Amino acid sequence: MATYECKSCGMAVNASCAKCDQALENDILVLPDGREVQISICRSCEGKIKSPQCCGVDMTCAV
């Protein structure tokens, strides 16, 4: 399971899919213009969410 941590305050979260109860994994979504966005993905049902934010910035995840 990916652990996302705030570099500002140290808050950390783990996330799982409410649909199939699988742990979300860190991934990158490449947008049509080539930009990359950090996301959390469920490998079971392929659901995706924008990775969590804290203190106004994206939380990071070491993989």
N, C-alpha and C. Protein backbone atom coordinates (compact mmCIF):
# COMPACT_ATOMS: atom_id res chain seq x y z
N MET A 1 0.85 -1.18 0.00
CA MET A 1 0.00 0.00 0.00
C MET A 1 0.89 1.24 0.00
N ALA A 2 0.56 2.18 -0.83
CA ALA A 2 1.31 3.43 -0.89
C ALA A 2 1.02 4.27 0.34
N THR A 3 2.05 4.86 0.91
CA THR A 3 1.89 5.80 2.02
C THR A 3 2.28 7.18 1.50
N TYR A 4 1.33 8.09 1.56
CA TYR A 4 1.55 9.47 1.12
C TYR A 4 1.88 10.31 2.34
N GLU A 5 2.92 11.15 2.22
CA GLU A 5 3.35 11.95 3.35
C GLU A 5 3.50 13.41 2.95
N CYS A 6 3.10 14.29 3.85
CA CYS A 6 3.24 15.73 3.64
C CYS A 6 4.65 16.15 4.05
N LYS A 7 5.37 16.78 3.16
CA LYS A 7 6.72 17.22 3.46
C LYS A 7 6.72 18.43 4.41
N SER A 8 5.59 19.13 4.51
CA SER A 8 5.51 20.31 5.38
C SER A 8 5.25 19.94 6.84
N CYS A 9 4.22 19.13 7.09
CA CYS A 9 3.82 18.86 8.48
C CYS A 9 4.03 17.41 8.93
N GLY A 10 4.34 16.52 7.99
CA GLY A 10 4.58 15.12 8.36
C GLY A 10 3.34 14.24 8.40
N MET A 11 2.16 14.81 8.13
CA MET A 11 0.92 14.01 8.07
C MET A 11 1.11 12.90 7.04
N ALA A 12 0.61 11.70 7.33
CA ALA A 12 0.73 10.59 6.40
C ALA A 12 -0.60 9.85 6.29
N VAL A 13 -0.91 9.32 5.10
CA VAL A 13 -2.14 8.58 4.88
C VAL A 13 -1.88 7.34 4.04
N ASN A 14 -2.69 6.32 4.27
CA ASN A 14 -2.77 5.14 3.41
C ASN A 14 -4.19 5.14 2.87
N ALA A 15 -4.39 4.62 1.66
CA ALA A 15 -5.72 4.63 1.07
C ALA A 15 -6.05 3.28 0.46
N SER A 16 -7.34 2.93 0.52
CA SER A 16 -7.81 1.70 -0.12
C SER A 16 -9.08 2.01 -0.90
N CYS A 17 -9.39 1.17 -1.88
CA CYS A 17 -10.57 1.33 -2.72
C CYS A 17 -11.81 0.88 -1.94
N ALA A 18 -12.80 1.77 -1.84
CA ALA A 18 -14.03 1.42 -1.12
C ALA A 18 -14.88 0.43 -1.91
N LYS A 19 -14.65 0.36 -3.22
CA LYS A 19 -15.43 -0.53 -4.08
C LYS A 19 -15.01 -2.00 -3.92
N CYS A 20 -13.69 -2.25 -3.92
CA CYS A 20 -13.23 -3.64 -3.86
C CYS A 20 -12.23 -3.90 -2.72
N ASP A 21 -12.01 -2.90 -1.86
CA ASP A 21 -11.19 -3.03 -0.66
C ASP A 21 -9.72 -3.35 -0.93
N GLN A 22 -9.22 -3.03 -2.12
CA GLN A 22 -7.81 -3.24 -2.43
C GLN A 22 -7.02 -1.98 -2.08
N ALA A 23 -5.78 -2.15 -1.70
CA ALA A 23 -4.91 -1.01 -1.41
C ALA A 23 -4.64 -0.23 -2.68
N LEU A 24 -4.71 1.10 -2.60
CA LEU A 24 -4.37 1.93 -3.75
C LEU A 24 -2.86 1.99 -3.89
N GLU A 25 -2.41 2.10 -5.14
CA GLU A 25 -0.98 2.18 -5.43
C GLU A 25 -0.66 3.50 -6.10
N ASN A 26 0.55 3.98 -5.87
CA ASN A 26 1.01 5.20 -6.49
C ASN A 26 1.22 4.97 -7.98
N ASP A 27 0.85 5.94 -8.81
CA ASP A 27 1.04 5.84 -10.26
C ASP A 27 1.13 7.25 -10.85
N ILE A 28 1.42 7.32 -12.12
CA ILE A 28 1.51 8.59 -12.85
C ILE A 28 0.53 8.53 -14.01
N LEU A 29 -0.24 9.61 -14.18
CA LEU A 29 -1.14 9.76 -15.31
C LEU A 29 -0.53 10.79 -16.25
N VAL A 30 -0.32 10.42 -17.51
CA VAL A 30 0.23 11.35 -18.50
C VAL A 30 -0.93 12.01 -19.23
N LEU A 31 -1.03 13.32 -19.11
CA LEU A 31 -2.09 14.08 -19.76
C LEU A 31 -1.81 14.23 -21.25
N PRO A 32 -2.83 14.54 -22.05
CA PRO A 32 -2.64 14.69 -23.50
C PRO A 32 -1.56 15.70 -23.89
N ASP A 33 -1.33 16.72 -23.04
CA ASP A 33 -0.30 17.71 -23.36
C ASP A 33 1.09 17.30 -22.87
N GLY A 34 1.20 16.07 -22.33
CA GLY A 34 2.49 15.54 -21.90
C GLY A 34 2.80 15.76 -20.43
N ARG A 35 2.02 16.59 -19.74
CA ARG A 35 2.25 16.79 -18.31
C ARG A 35 1.93 15.52 -17.56
N GLU A 36 2.61 15.32 -16.43
CA GLU A 36 2.38 14.15 -15.59
C GLU A 36 1.73 14.56 -14.29
N VAL A 37 0.76 13.74 -13.83
CA VAL A 37 0.05 14.00 -12.59
C VAL A 37 0.17 12.74 -11.73
N GLN A 38 0.56 12.94 -10.47
CA GLN A 38 0.65 11.81 -9.54
C GLN A 38 -0.77 11.41 -9.15
N ILE A 39 -1.09 10.11 -9.26
CA ILE A 39 -2.41 9.60 -8.91
C ILE A 39 -2.28 8.37 -8.03
N SER A 40 -3.40 7.96 -7.46
CA SER A 40 -3.52 6.68 -6.75
C SER A 40 -4.45 5.83 -7.59
N ILE A 41 -4.08 4.57 -7.81
CA ILE A 41 -4.86 3.69 -8.68
C ILE A 41 -5.17 2.37 -7.98
N CYS A 42 -6.36 1.85 -8.25
CA CYS A 42 -6.73 0.52 -7.78
C CYS A 42 -6.42 -0.45 -8.91
N ARG A 43 -5.52 -1.36 -8.69
CA ARG A 43 -5.14 -2.32 -9.74
C ARG A 43 -6.24 -3.33 -10.01
N SER A 44 -7.18 -3.50 -9.07
CA SER A 44 -8.25 -4.47 -9.24
C SER A 44 -9.34 -3.95 -10.17
N CYS A 45 -9.89 -2.77 -9.86
CA CYS A 45 -10.98 -2.25 -10.68
C CYS A 45 -10.55 -1.09 -11.58
N GLU A 46 -9.27 -0.74 -11.53
CA GLU A 46 -8.68 0.33 -12.35
C GLU A 46 -9.23 1.72 -12.04
N GLY A 47 -9.85 1.90 -10.88
CA GLY A 47 -10.28 3.22 -10.47
C GLY A 47 -9.07 4.10 -10.18
N LYS A 48 -9.19 5.41 -10.41
CA LYS A 48 -8.09 6.34 -10.20
C LYS A 48 -8.59 7.57 -9.47
N ILE A 49 -7.74 8.11 -8.59
CA ILE A 49 -8.02 9.39 -7.95
C ILE A 49 -6.76 10.23 -7.96
N LYS A 50 -6.93 11.53 -7.87
CA LYS A 50 -5.80 12.42 -7.71
C LYS A 50 -5.21 12.12 -6.35
N SER A 51 -3.90 12.06 -6.26
CA SER A 51 -3.25 11.78 -4.99
C SER A 51 -3.62 12.85 -3.96
N PRO A 52 -3.58 12.49 -2.68
CA PRO A 52 -4.01 13.41 -1.62
C PRO A 52 -3.15 14.67 -1.53
N GLN A 53 -3.76 15.73 -0.96
CA GLN A 53 -3.05 16.97 -0.71
C GLN A 53 -3.10 17.29 0.78
N CYS A 54 -2.09 18.04 1.24
CA CYS A 54 -2.04 18.51 2.61
C CYS A 54 -1.25 19.82 2.59
N CYS A 55 -1.60 20.73 3.44
CA CYS A 55 -0.90 22.03 3.51
C CYS A 55 -0.86 22.72 2.15
N GLY A 56 -1.88 22.44 1.30
CA GLY A 56 -2.01 23.10 0.01
C GLY A 56 -1.15 22.55 -1.11
N VAL A 57 -0.47 21.43 -0.88
CA VAL A 57 0.37 20.82 -1.93
C VAL A 57 0.14 19.31 -1.97
N ASP A 58 0.51 18.69 -3.11
CA ASP A 58 0.40 17.25 -3.23
C ASP A 58 1.27 16.56 -2.21
N MET A 59 0.73 15.52 -1.58
CA MET A 59 1.52 14.68 -0.69
C MET A 59 2.37 13.77 -1.57
N THR A 60 3.55 13.44 -1.13
CA THR A 60 4.45 12.62 -1.94
C THR A 60 4.43 11.18 -1.46
N CYS A 61 4.82 10.31 -2.37
CA CYS A 61 4.84 8.88 -2.08
C CYS A 61 6.14 8.30 -2.63
N ALA A 62 6.91 7.68 -1.78
CA ALA A 62 8.13 7.01 -2.22
C ALA A 62 7.76 5.61 -2.67
N VAL A 63 8.20 5.23 -3.86
CA VAL A 63 7.93 3.89 -4.37
C VAL A 63 9.20 3.11 -4.52
